[in-house]
Amino acid sequence: FQVTREIHFCYGHRLLDYRGKCAHL
């Protein structure tokens, strides 16, 4: 059997050592 709960949240981040949009906050 399986059950799943969906959870929504907002967050900010950025990725180091990455080239592209996600390198920025």
mmCIF file of all heavy atoms, coordinates in Angstrom:
data_MODEL
# 
_entry.id   MODEL 
# 
loop_
_atom_site.group_PDB 
_atom_site.id 
_atom_site.type_symbol 
_atom_site.label_atom_id 
_atom_site.label_alt_id 
_atom_site.label_comp_id 
_atom_site.label_asym_id 
_atom_site.label_entity_id 
_atom_site.label_seq_id 
_atom_site.pdbx_PDB_ins_code 
_atom_site.Cartn_x 
_atom_site.Cartn_y 
_atom_site.Cartn_z 
_atom_site.occupancy 
_atom_site.B_iso_or_equiv 
_atom_site.pdbx_formal_charge 
_atom_site.auth_seq_id 
_atom_site.auth_comp_id 
_atom_site.auth_asym_id 
_atom_site.auth_atom_id 
_atom_site.pdbx_PDB_model_num 
ATOM 1   N N   . PHE A 1 1  ? 0.842  -1.188 0.000   1.00 0.00 ? 1  PHE A N   1 
ATOM 2   C CA  . PHE A 1 1  ? 0.000  0.000  0.000   1.00 0.00 ? 1  PHE A CA  1 
ATOM 3   C C   . PHE A 1 1  ? 0.882  1.244  0.000   1.00 0.00 ? 1  PHE A C   1 
ATOM 4   O O   . PHE A 1 1  ? 1.974  1.230  0.559   1.00 0.00 ? 1  PHE A O   1 
ATOM 5   C CB  . PHE A 1 1  ? -0.894 0.039  1.248   1.00 0.00 ? 1  PHE A CB  1 
ATOM 6   C CG  . PHE A 1 1  ? -1.892 -1.069 1.312   1.00 0.00 ? 1  PHE A CG  1 
ATOM 7   C CD1 . PHE A 1 1  ? -1.585 -2.264 1.960   1.00 0.00 ? 1  PHE A CD1 1 
ATOM 8   C CD2 . PHE A 1 1  ? -3.137 -0.919 0.744   1.00 0.00 ? 1  PHE A CD2 1 
ATOM 9   C CE1 . PHE A 1 1  ? -2.508 -3.285 2.036   1.00 0.00 ? 1  PHE A CE1 1 
ATOM 10  C CE2 . PHE A 1 1  ? -4.073 -1.944 0.805   1.00 0.00 ? 1  PHE A CE2 1 
ATOM 11  C CZ  . PHE A 1 1  ? -3.760 -3.127 1.455   1.00 0.00 ? 1  PHE A CZ  1 
ATOM 12  N N   . GLN A 1 2  ? 0.383  2.308  -0.616  1.00 0.00 ? 2  GLN A N   1 
ATOM 13  C CA  . GLN A 1 2  ? 1.095  3.583  -0.628  1.00 0.00 ? 2  GLN A CA  1 
ATOM 14  C C   . GLN A 1 2  ? 0.111  4.718  -0.404  1.00 0.00 ? 2  GLN A C   1 
ATOM 15  O O   . GLN A 1 2  ? -1.039 4.646  -0.851  1.00 0.00 ? 2  GLN A O   1 
ATOM 16  C CB  . GLN A 1 2  ? 1.778  3.815  -1.974  1.00 0.00 ? 2  GLN A CB  1 
ATOM 17  C CG  . GLN A 1 2  ? 2.881  2.853  -2.295  1.00 0.00 ? 2  GLN A CG  1 
ATOM 18  C CD  . GLN A 1 2  ? 3.467  3.100  -3.675  1.00 0.00 ? 2  GLN A CD  1 
ATOM 19  O OE1 . GLN A 1 2  ? 3.028  3.968  -4.410  1.00 0.00 ? 2  GLN A OE1 1 
ATOM 20  N NE2 . GLN A 1 2  ? 4.454  2.301  -4.037  1.00 0.00 ? 2  GLN A NE2 1 
ATOM 21  N N   . VAL A 1 3  ? 0.581  5.758  0.284   1.00 0.00 ? 3  VAL A N   1 
ATOM 22  C CA  . VAL A 1 3  ? -0.142 7.024  0.390   1.00 0.00 ? 3  VAL A CA  1 
ATOM 23  C C   . VAL A 1 3  ? 0.846  8.139  0.075   1.00 0.00 ? 3  VAL A C   1 
ATOM 24  O O   . VAL A 1 3  ? 2.052  7.996  0.303   1.00 0.00 ? 3  VAL A O   1 
ATOM 25  C CB  . VAL A 1 3  ? -0.778 7.240  1.786   1.00 0.00 ? 3  VAL A CB  1 
ATOM 26  C CG1 . VAL A 1 3  ? -1.858 6.205  2.054   1.00 0.00 ? 3  VAL A CG1 1 
ATOM 27  C CG2 . VAL A 1 3  ? 0.269  7.247  2.882   1.00 0.00 ? 3  VAL A CG2 1 
ATOM 28  N N   . THR A 1 4  ? 0.318  9.224  -0.455  1.00 0.00 ? 4  THR A N   1 
ATOM 29  C CA  . THR A 1 4  ? 1.166  10.356 -0.833  1.00 0.00 ? 4  THR A CA  1 
ATOM 30  C C   . THR A 1 4  ? 0.551  11.644 -0.324  1.00 0.00 ? 4  THR A C   1 
ATOM 31  O O   . THR A 1 4  ? -0.651 11.867 -0.476  1.00 0.00 ? 4  THR A O   1 
ATOM 32  C CB  . THR A 1 4  ? 1.328  10.427 -2.367  1.00 0.00 ? 4  THR A CB  1 
ATOM 33  O OG1 . THR A 1 4  ? 1.932  9.213  -2.826  1.00 0.00 ? 4  THR A OG1 1 
ATOM 34  C CG2 . THR A 1 4  ? 2.207  11.598 -2.773  1.00 0.00 ? 4  THR A CG2 1 
ATOM 35  N N   . ARG A 1 5  ? 1.382  12.480 0.263   1.00 0.00 ? 5  ARG A N   1 
ATOM 36  C CA  . ARG A 1 5  ? 0.961  13.814 0.719   1.00 0.00 ? 5  ARG A CA  1 
ATOM 37  C C   . ARG A 1 5  ? 1.676  14.849 -0.142  1.00 0.00 ? 5  ARG A C   1 
ATOM 38  O O   . ARG A 1 5  ? 2.876  14.763 -0.357  1.00 0.00 ? 5  ARG A O   1 
ATOM 39  C CB  . ARG A 1 5  ? 1.330  14.017 2.194   1.00 0.00 ? 5  ARG A CB  1 
ATOM 40  C CG  . ARG A 1 5  ? 0.999  15.385 2.763   1.00 0.00 ? 5  ARG A CG  1 
ATOM 41  C CD  . ARG A 1 5  ? -0.465 15.481 3.075   1.00 0.00 ? 5  ARG A CD  1 
ATOM 42  N NE  . ARG A 1 5  ? -0.859 16.856 3.320   1.00 0.00 ? 5  ARG A NE  1 
ATOM 43  C CZ  . ARG A 1 5  ? -1.862 17.188 4.103   1.00 0.00 ? 5  ARG A CZ  1 
ATOM 44  N NH1 . ARG A 1 5  ? -2.562 16.259 4.718   1.00 0.00 ? 5  ARG A NH1 1 
ATOM 45  N NH2 . ARG A 1 5  ? -2.193 18.442 4.264   1.00 0.00 ? 5  ARG A NH2 1 
ATOM 46  N N   . GLU A 1 6  ? 0.927  15.817 -0.630  1.00 0.00 ? 6  GLU A N   1 
ATOM 47  C CA  . GLU A 1 6  ? 1.488  16.899 -1.437  1.00 0.00 ? 6  GLU A CA  1 
ATOM 48  C C   . GLU A 1 6  ? 1.676  18.118 -0.550  1.00 0.00 ? 6  GLU A C   1 
ATOM 49  O O   . GLU A 1 6  ? 0.773  18.500 0.191   1.00 0.00 ? 6  GLU A O   1 
ATOM 50  C CB  . GLU A 1 6  ? 0.528  17.219 -2.588  1.00 0.00 ? 6  GLU A CB  1 
ATOM 51  C CG  . GLU A 1 6  ? 1.039  18.252 -3.541  1.00 0.00 ? 6  GLU A CG  1 
ATOM 52  C CD  . GLU A 1 6  ? 0.158  18.365 -4.780  1.00 0.00 ? 6  GLU A CD  1 
ATOM 53  O OE1 . GLU A 1 6  ? -0.417 17.352 -5.222  1.00 0.00 ? 6  GLU A OE1 1 
ATOM 54  O OE2 . GLU A 1 6  ? 0.054  19.487 -5.295  1.00 0.00 ? 6  GLU A OE2 1 
ATOM 55  N N   . ILE A 1 7  ? 2.856  18.731 -0.641  1.00 0.00 ? 7  ILE A N   1 
ATOM 56  C CA  . ILE A 1 7  ? 3.191  19.888 0.191   1.00 0.00 ? 7  ILE A CA  1 
ATOM 57  C C   . ILE A 1 7  ? 3.763  20.975 -0.716  1.00 0.00 ? 7  ILE A C   1 
ATOM 58  O O   . ILE A 1 7  ? 4.669  20.711 -1.501  1.00 0.00 ? 7  ILE A O   1 
ATOM 59  C CB  . ILE A 1 7  ? 4.218  19.510 1.276   1.00 0.00 ? 7  ILE A CB  1 
ATOM 60  C CG1 . ILE A 1 7  ? 3.651  18.407 2.178   1.00 0.00 ? 7  ILE A CG1 1 
ATOM 61  C CG2 . ILE A 1 7  ? 4.625  20.738 2.088   1.00 0.00 ? 7  ILE A CG2 1 
ATOM 62  C CD1 . ILE A 1 7  ? 4.665  17.782 3.112   1.00 0.00 ? 7  ILE A CD1 1 
ATOM 63  N N   . HIS A 1 8  ? 3.246  22.190 -0.585  1.00 0.00 ? 8  HIS A N   1 
ATOM 64  C CA  . HIS A 1 8  ? 3.713  23.325 -1.380  1.00 0.00 ? 8  HIS A CA  1 
ATOM 65  C C   . HIS A 1 8  ? 4.509  24.268 -0.478  1.00 0.00 ? 8  HIS A C   1 
ATOM 66  O O   . HIS A 1 8  ? 4.140  24.483 0.679   1.00 0.00 ? 8  HIS A O   1 
ATOM 67  C CB  . HIS A 1 8  ? 2.526  24.087 -1.976  1.00 0.00 ? 8  HIS A CB  1 
ATOM 68  C CG  . HIS A 1 8  ? 1.764  23.273 -2.969  1.00 0.00 ? 8  HIS A CG  1 
ATOM 69  N ND1 . HIS A 1 8  ? 1.915  23.440 -4.316  1.00 0.00 ? 8  HIS A ND1 1 
ATOM 70  C CD2 . HIS A 1 8  ? 0.856  22.279 -2.815  1.00 0.00 ? 8  HIS A CD2 1 
ATOM 71  C CE1 . HIS A 1 8  ? 1.132  22.584 -4.958  1.00 0.00 ? 8  HIS A CE1 1 
ATOM 72  N NE2 . HIS A 1 8  ? 0.475  21.862 -4.057  1.00 0.00 ? 8  HIS A NE2 1 
ATOM 73  N N   . PHE A 1 9  ? 5.579  24.833 -1.028  1.00 0.00 ? 9  PHE A N   1 
ATOM 74  C CA  . PHE A 1 9  ? 6.349  25.830 -0.294  1.00 0.00 ? 9  PHE A CA  1 
ATOM 75  C C   . PHE A 1 9  ? 7.139  26.678 -1.279  1.00 0.00 ? 9  PHE A C   1 
ATOM 76  O O   . PHE A 1 9  ? 7.355  26.288 -2.420  1.00 0.00 ? 9  PHE A O   1 
ATOM 77  C CB  . PHE A 1 9  ? 7.272  25.185 0.750   1.00 0.00 ? 9  PHE A CB  1 
ATOM 78  C CG  . PHE A 1 9  ? 8.353  24.292 0.196   1.00 0.00 ? 9  PHE A CG  1 
ATOM 79  C CD1 . PHE A 1 9  ? 9.672  24.710 0.154   1.00 0.00 ? 9  PHE A CD1 1 
ATOM 80  C CD2 . PHE A 1 9  ? 8.054  23.013 -0.269  1.00 0.00 ? 9  PHE A CD2 1 
ATOM 81  C CE1 . PHE A 1 9  ? 10.673 23.883 -0.341  1.00 0.00 ? 9  PHE A CE1 1 
ATOM 82  C CE2 . PHE A 1 9  ? 9.047  22.175 -0.752  1.00 0.00 ? 9  PHE A CE2 1 
ATOM 83  C CZ  . PHE A 1 9  ? 10.356 22.617 -0.795  1.00 0.00 ? 9  PHE A CZ  1 
ATOM 84  N N   . CYS A 1 10 ? 7.532  27.850 -0.828  1.00 0.00 ? 10 CYS A N   1 
ATOM 85  C CA  . CYS A 1 10 ? 8.306  28.775 -1.652  1.00 0.00 ? 10 CYS A CA  1 
ATOM 86  C C   . CYS A 1 10 ? 9.715  28.862 -1.088  1.00 0.00 ? 10 CYS A C   1 
ATOM 87  O O   . CYS A 1 10 ? 9.907  28.861 0.130   1.00 0.00 ? 10 CYS A O   1 
ATOM 88  C CB  . CYS A 1 10 ? 7.675  30.163 -1.634  1.00 0.00 ? 10 CYS A CB  1 
ATOM 89  S SG  . CYS A 1 10 ? 5.998  30.190 -2.286  1.00 0.00 ? 10 CYS A SG  1 
ATOM 90  N N   . TYR A 1 11 ? 10.684 28.933 -1.984  1.00 0.00 ? 11 TYR A N   1 
ATOM 91  C CA  . TYR A 1 11 ? 12.067 29.045 -1.533  1.00 0.00 ? 11 TYR A CA  1 
ATOM 92  C C   . TYR A 1 11 ? 12.911 29.713 -2.606  1.00 0.00 ? 11 TYR A C   1 
ATOM 93  O O   . TYR A 1 11 ? 12.531 29.788 -3.770  1.00 0.00 ? 11 TYR A O   1 
ATOM 94  C CB  . TYR A 1 11 ? 12.644 27.666 -1.190  1.00 0.00 ? 11 TYR A CB  1 
ATOM 95  C CG  . TYR A 1 11 ? 12.822 26.734 -2.370  1.00 0.00 ? 11 TYR A CG  1 
ATOM 96  C CD1 . TYR A 1 11 ? 14.056 26.608 -3.007  1.00 0.00 ? 11 TYR A CD1 1 
ATOM 97  C CD2 . TYR A 1 11 ? 11.768 25.980 -2.849  1.00 0.00 ? 11 TYR A CD2 1 
ATOM 98  C CE1 . TYR A 1 11 ? 14.211 25.756 -4.098  1.00 0.00 ? 11 TYR A CE1 1 
ATOM 99  C CE2 . TYR A 1 11 ? 11.922 25.120 -3.924  1.00 0.00 ? 11 TYR A CE2 1 
ATOM 100 C CZ  . TYR A 1 11 ? 13.144 25.017 -4.546  1.00 0.00 ? 11 TYR A CZ  1 
ATOM 101 O OH  . TYR A 1 11 ? 13.304 24.174 -5.617  1.00 0.00 ? 11 TYR A OH  1 
ATOM 102 N N   . GLY A 1 12 ? 14.049 30.221 -2.178  1.00 0.00 ? 12 GLY A N   1 
ATOM 103 C CA  . GLY A 1 12 ? 15.032 30.757 -3.107  1.00 0.00 ? 12 GLY A CA  1 
ATOM 104 C C   . GLY A 1 12 ? 16.304 29.944 -2.992  1.00 0.00 ? 12 GLY A C   1 
ATOM 105 O O   . GLY A 1 12 ? 16.529 29.280 -1.986  1.00 0.00 ? 12 GLY A O   1 
ATOM 106 N N   . HIS A 1 13 ? 17.110 30.003 -4.040  1.00 0.00 ? 13 HIS A N   1 
ATOM 107 C CA  . HIS A 1 13 ? 18.404 29.320 -3.996  1.00 0.00 ? 13 HIS A CA  1 
ATOM 108 C C   . HIS A 1 13 ? 19.267 29.809 -5.139  1.00 0.00 ? 13 HIS A C   1 
ATOM 109 O O   . HIS A 1 13 ? 18.866 30.653 -5.936  1.00 0.00 ? 13 HIS A O   1 
ATOM 110 C CB  . HIS A 1 13 ? 18.231 27.790 -4.042  1.00 0.00 ? 13 HIS A CB  1 
ATOM 111 C CG  . HIS A 1 13 ? 17.854 27.225 -5.369  1.00 0.00 ? 13 HIS A CG  1 
ATOM 112 N ND1 . HIS A 1 13 ? 18.123 25.929 -5.731  1.00 0.00 ? 13 HIS A ND1 1 
ATOM 113 C CD2 . HIS A 1 13 ? 17.228 27.764 -6.446  1.00 0.00 ? 13 HIS A CD2 1 
ATOM 114 C CE1 . HIS A 1 13 ? 17.681 25.690 -6.948  1.00 0.00 ? 13 HIS A CE1 1 
ATOM 115 N NE2 . HIS A 1 13 ? 17.121 26.789 -7.396  1.00 0.00 ? 13 HIS A NE2 1 
ATOM 116 N N   . ARG A 1 14 ? 20.450 29.294 -5.199  1.00 0.00 ? 14 ARG A N   1 
ATOM 117 C CA  . ARG A 1 14 ? 21.300 29.398 -6.377  1.00 0.00 ? 14 ARG A CA  1 
ATOM 118 C C   . ARG A 1 14 ? 22.288 28.253 -6.303  1.00 0.00 ? 14 ARG A C   1 
ATOM 119 O O   . ARG A 1 14 ? 22.496 27.653 -5.243  1.00 0.00 ? 14 ARG A O   1 
ATOM 120 C CB  . ARG A 1 14 ? 22.004 30.741 -6.462  1.00 0.00 ? 14 ARG A CB  1 
ATOM 121 C CG  . ARG A 1 14 ? 23.195 30.919 -5.552  1.00 0.00 ? 14 ARG A CG  1 
ATOM 122 C CD  . ARG A 1 14 ? 23.940 32.156 -5.964  1.00 0.00 ? 14 ARG A CD  1 
ATOM 123 N NE  . ARG A 1 14 ? 24.980 32.502 -5.013  1.00 0.00 ? 14 ARG A NE  1 
ATOM 124 C CZ  . ARG A 1 14 ? 25.728 33.570 -5.149  1.00 0.00 ? 14 ARG A CZ  1 
ATOM 125 N NH1 . ARG A 1 14 ? 25.541 34.385 -6.164  1.00 0.00 ? 14 ARG A NH1 1 
ATOM 126 N NH2 . ARG A 1 14 ? 26.652 33.831 -4.271  1.00 0.00 ? 14 ARG A NH2 1 
ATOM 127 N N   . LEU A 1 15 ? 22.872 27.935 -7.448  1.00 0.00 ? 15 LEU A N   1 
ATOM 128 C CA  . LEU A 1 15 ? 23.811 26.821 -7.529  1.00 0.00 ? 15 LEU A CA  1 
ATOM 129 C C   . LEU A 1 15 ? 25.208 27.347 -7.783  1.00 0.00 ? 15 LEU A C   1 
ATOM 130 O O   . LEU A 1 15 ? 25.417 28.144 -8.710  1.00 0.00 ? 15 LEU A O   1 
ATOM 131 C CB  . LEU A 1 15 ? 23.399 25.856 -8.644  1.00 0.00 ? 15 LEU A CB  1 
ATOM 132 C CG  . LEU A 1 15 ? 21.975 25.323 -8.560  1.00 0.00 ? 15 LEU A CG  1 
ATOM 133 C CD1 . LEU A 1 15 ? 21.690 24.395 -9.734  1.00 0.00 ? 15 LEU A CD1 1 
ATOM 134 C CD2 . LEU A 1 15 ? 21.719 24.634 -7.233  1.00 0.00 ? 15 LEU A CD2 1 
ATOM 135 N N   . LEU A 1 16 ? 26.139 26.922 -6.967  1.00 0.00 ? 16 LEU A N   1 
ATOM 136 C CA  . LEU A 1 16 ? 27.545 27.280 -7.182  1.00 0.00 ? 16 LEU A CA  1 
ATOM 137 C C   . LEU A 1 16 ? 28.153 26.303 -8.181  1.00 0.00 ? 16 LEU A C   1 
ATOM 138 O O   . LEU A 1 16 ? 27.671 25.184 -8.350  1.00 0.00 ? 16 LEU A O   1 
ATOM 139 C CB  . LEU A 1 16 ? 28.312 27.217 -5.857  1.00 0.00 ? 16 LEU A CB  1 
ATOM 140 C CG  . LEU A 1 16 ? 27.830 28.168 -4.755  1.00 0.00 ? 16 LEU A CG  1 
ATOM 141 C CD1 . LEU A 1 16 ? 28.692 28.001 -3.509  1.00 0.00 ? 16 LEU A CD1 1 
ATOM 142 C CD2 . LEU A 1 16 ? 27.826 29.615 -5.218  1.00 0.00 ? 16 LEU A CD2 1 
ATOM 143 N N   . ASP A 1 17 ? 29.231 26.738 -8.835  1.00 0.00 ? 17 ASP A N   1 
ATOM 144 C CA  . ASP A 1 17 ? 29.931 25.901 -9.818  1.00 0.00 ? 17 ASP A CA  1 
ATOM 145 C C   . ASP A 1 17 ? 28.990 25.471 -10.939 1.00 0.00 ? 17 ASP A C   1 
ATOM 146 O O   . ASP A 1 17 ? 29.032 24.328 -11.408 1.00 0.00 ? 17 ASP A O   1 
ATOM 147 C CB  . ASP A 1 17 ? 30.554 24.664 -9.144  1.00 0.00 ? 17 ASP A CB  1 
ATOM 148 C CG  . ASP A 1 17 ? 31.461 25.049 -7.996  1.00 0.00 ? 17 ASP A CG  1 
ATOM 149 O OD1 . ASP A 1 17 ? 32.230 26.024 -8.146  1.00 0.00 ? 17 ASP A OD1 1 
ATOM 150 O OD2 . ASP A 1 17 ? 31.380 24.399 -6.940  1.00 0.00 ? 17 ASP A OD2 1 
ATOM 151 N N   . TYR A 1 18 ? 28.134 26.376 -11.355 1.00 0.00 ? 18 TYR A N   1 
ATOM 152 C CA  . TYR A 1 18 ? 27.125 26.080 -12.364 1.00 0.00 ? 18 TYR A CA  1 
ATOM 153 C C   . TYR A 1 18 ? 27.092 27.229 -13.359 1.00 0.00 ? 18 TYR A C   1 
ATOM 154 O O   . TYR A 1 18 ? 27.179 28.391 -12.981 1.00 0.00 ? 18 TYR A O   1 
ATOM 155 C CB  . TYR A 1 18 ? 25.752 25.928 -11.682 1.00 0.00 ? 18 TYR A CB  1 
ATOM 156 C CG  . TYR A 1 18 ? 24.621 25.648 -12.625 1.00 0.00 ? 18 TYR A CG  1 
ATOM 157 C CD1 . TYR A 1 18 ? 24.370 24.357 -13.073 1.00 0.00 ? 18 TYR A CD1 1 
ATOM 158 C CD2 . TYR A 1 18 ? 23.794 26.678 -13.072 1.00 0.00 ? 18 TYR A CD2 1 
ATOM 159 C CE1 . TYR A 1 18 ? 23.327 24.091 -13.945 1.00 0.00 ? 18 TYR A CE1 1 
ATOM 160 C CE2 . TYR A 1 18 ? 22.742 26.413 -13.938 1.00 0.00 ? 18 TYR A CE2 1 
ATOM 161 C CZ  . TYR A 1 18 ? 22.520 25.126 -14.381 1.00 0.00 ? 18 TYR A CZ  1 
ATOM 162 O OH  . TYR A 1 18 ? 21.488 24.863 -15.245 1.00 0.00 ? 18 TYR A OH  1 
ATOM 163 N N   . ARG A 1 19 ? 26.954 26.900 -14.627 1.00 0.00 ? 19 ARG A N   1 
ATOM 164 C CA  . ARG A 1 19 ? 26.803 27.923 -15.664 1.00 0.00 ? 19 ARG A CA  1 
ATOM 165 C C   . ARG A 1 19 ? 25.361 27.912 -16.129 1.00 0.00 ? 19 ARG A C   1 
ATOM 166 O O   . ARG A 1 19 ? 24.850 26.886 -16.539 1.00 0.00 ? 19 ARG A O   1 
ATOM 167 C CB  . ARG A 1 19 ? 27.718 27.637 -16.841 1.00 0.00 ? 19 ARG A CB  1 
ATOM 168 C CG  . ARG A 1 19 ? 29.156 27.857 -16.534 1.00 0.00 ? 19 ARG A CG  1 
ATOM 169 C CD  . ARG A 1 19 ? 29.967 27.646 -17.773 1.00 0.00 ? 19 ARG A CD  1 
ATOM 170 N NE  . ARG A 1 19 ? 31.379 27.792 -17.438 1.00 0.00 ? 19 ARG A NE  1 
ATOM 171 C CZ  . ARG A 1 19 ? 32.316 27.958 -18.334 1.00 0.00 ? 19 ARG A CZ  1 
ATOM 172 N NH1 . ARG A 1 19 ? 32.007 27.965 -19.614 1.00 0.00 ? 19 ARG A NH1 1 
ATOM 173 N NH2 . ARG A 1 19 ? 33.566 28.090 -17.959 1.00 0.00 ? 19 ARG A NH2 1 
ATOM 174 N N   . GLY A 1 20 ? 24.718 29.032 -16.042 1.00 0.00 ? 20 GLY A N   1 
ATOM 175 C CA  . GLY A 1 20 ? 23.320 29.129 -16.448 1.00 0.00 ? 20 GLY A CA  1 
ATOM 176 C C   . GLY A 1 20 ? 22.548 29.990 -15.475 1.00 0.00 ? 20 GLY A C   1 
ATOM 177 O O   . GLY A 1 20 ? 23.099 30.530 -14.513 1.00 0.00 ? 20 GLY A O   1 
ATOM 178 N N   . LYS A 1 21 ? 21.252 30.107 -15.720 1.00 0.00 ? 21 LYS A N   1 
ATOM 179 C CA  . LYS A 1 21 ? 20.397 30.981 -14.923 1.00 0.00 ? 21 LYS A CA  1 
ATOM 180 C C   . LYS A 1 21 ? 20.412 30.638 -13.442 1.00 0.00 ? 21 LYS A C   1 
ATOM 181 O O   . LYS A 1 21 ? 20.299 31.513 -12.594 1.00 0.00 ? 21 LYS A O   1 
ATOM 182 C CB  . LYS A 1 21 ? 18.962 30.920 -15.435 1.00 0.00 ? 21 LYS A CB  1 
ATOM 183 C CG  . LYS A 1 21 ? 18.758 31.543 -16.795 1.00 0.00 ? 21 LYS A CG  1 
ATOM 184 C CD  . LYS A 1 21 ? 17.296 31.436 -17.201 1.00 0.00 ? 21 LYS A CD  1 
ATOM 185 C CE  . LYS A 1 21 ? 17.062 32.039 -18.567 1.00 0.00 ? 21 LYS A CE  1 
ATOM 186 N NZ  . LYS A 1 21 ? 15.633 31.949 -18.940 1.00 0.00 ? 21 LYS A NZ  1 
ATOM 187 N N   . CYS A 1 22 ? 20.535 29.359 -13.112 1.00 0.00 ? 22 CYS A N   1 
ATOM 188 C CA  . CYS A 1 22 ? 20.467 28.940 -11.704 1.00 0.00 ? 22 CYS A CA  1 
ATOM 189 C C   . CYS A 1 22 ? 21.722 29.297 -10.902 1.00 0.00 ? 22 CYS A C   1 
ATOM 190 O O   . CYS A 1 22 ? 21.779 29.042 -9.710  1.00 0.00 ? 22 CYS A O   1 
ATOM 191 C CB  . CYS A 1 22 ? 20.169 27.447 -11.602 1.00 0.00 ? 22 CYS A CB  1 
ATOM 192 S SG  . CYS A 1 22 ? 18.498 27.047 -12.137 1.00 0.00 ? 22 CYS A SG  1 
ATOM 193 N N   . ALA A 1 23 ? 22.702 29.906 -11.553 1.00 0.00 ? 23 ALA A N   1 
ATOM 194 C CA  . ALA A 1 23 ? 23.876 30.389 -10.832 1.00 0.00 ? 23 ALA A CA  1 
ATOM 195 C C   . ALA A 1 23 ? 23.560 31.688 -10.083 1.00 0.00 ? 23 ALA A C   1 
ATOM 196 O O   . ALA A 1 23 ? 24.345 32.125 -9.245  1.00 0.00 ? 23 ALA A O   1 
ATOM 197 C CB  . ALA A 1 23 ? 25.036 30.615 -11.803 1.00 0.00 ? 23 ALA A CB  1 
ATOM 198 N N   . HIS A 1 24 ? 22.407 32.278 -10.381 1.00 0.00 ? 24 HIS A N   1 
ATOM 199 C CA  . HIS A 1 24 ? 22.010 33.543 -9.758  1.00 0.00 ? 24 HIS A CA  1 
ATOM 200 C C   . HIS A 1 24 ? 20.899 33.293 -8.739  1.00 0.00 ? 24 HIS A C   1 
ATOM 201 O O   . HIS A 1 24 ? 20.110 32.363 -8.879  1.00 0.00 ? 24 HIS A O   1 
ATOM 202 C CB  . HIS A 1 24 ? 21.525 34.519 -10.833 1.00 0.00 ? 24 HIS A CB  1 
ATOM 203 C CG  . HIS A 1 24 ? 22.534 34.736 -11.911 1.00 0.00 ? 24 HIS A CG  1 
ATOM 204 N ND1 . HIS A 1 24 ? 23.679 35.480 -11.729 1.00 0.00 ? 24 HIS A ND1 1 
ATOM 205 C CD2 . HIS A 1 24 ? 22.581 34.257 -13.179 1.00 0.00 ? 24 HIS A CD2 1 
ATOM 206 C CE1 . HIS A 1 24 ? 24.385 35.462 -12.841 1.00 0.00 ? 24 HIS A CE1 1 
ATOM 207 N NE2 . HIS A 1 24 ? 23.745 34.723 -13.740 1.00 0.00 ? 24 HIS A NE2 1 
ATOM 208 N N   . LEU A 1 25 ? 20.846 34.142 -7.722  1.00 0.00 ? 25 LEU A N   1 
ATOM 209 C CA  . LEU A 1 25 ? 19.790 34.035 -6.726  1.00 0.00 ? 25 LEU A CA  1 
ATOM 210 C C   . LEU A 1 25 ? 18.426 34.152 -7.415  1.00 0.00 ? 25 LEU A C   1 
ATOM 211 O O   . LEU A 1 25 ? 18.208 35.059 -8.215  1.00 0.00 ? 25 LEU A O   1 
ATOM 212 C CB  . LEU A 1 25 ? 19.933 35.128 -5.673  1.00 0.00 ? 25 LEU A CB  1 
ATOM 213 C CG  . LEU A 1 25 ? 21.204 35.077 -4.802  1.00 0.00 ? 25 LEU A CG  1 
ATOM 214 C CD1 . LEU A 1 25 ? 21.297 36.328 -3.941  1.00 0.00 ? 25 LEU A CD1 1 
ATOM 215 C CD2 . LEU A 1 25 ? 21.229 33.830 -3.952  1.00 0.00 ? 25 LEU A CD2 1 
# 
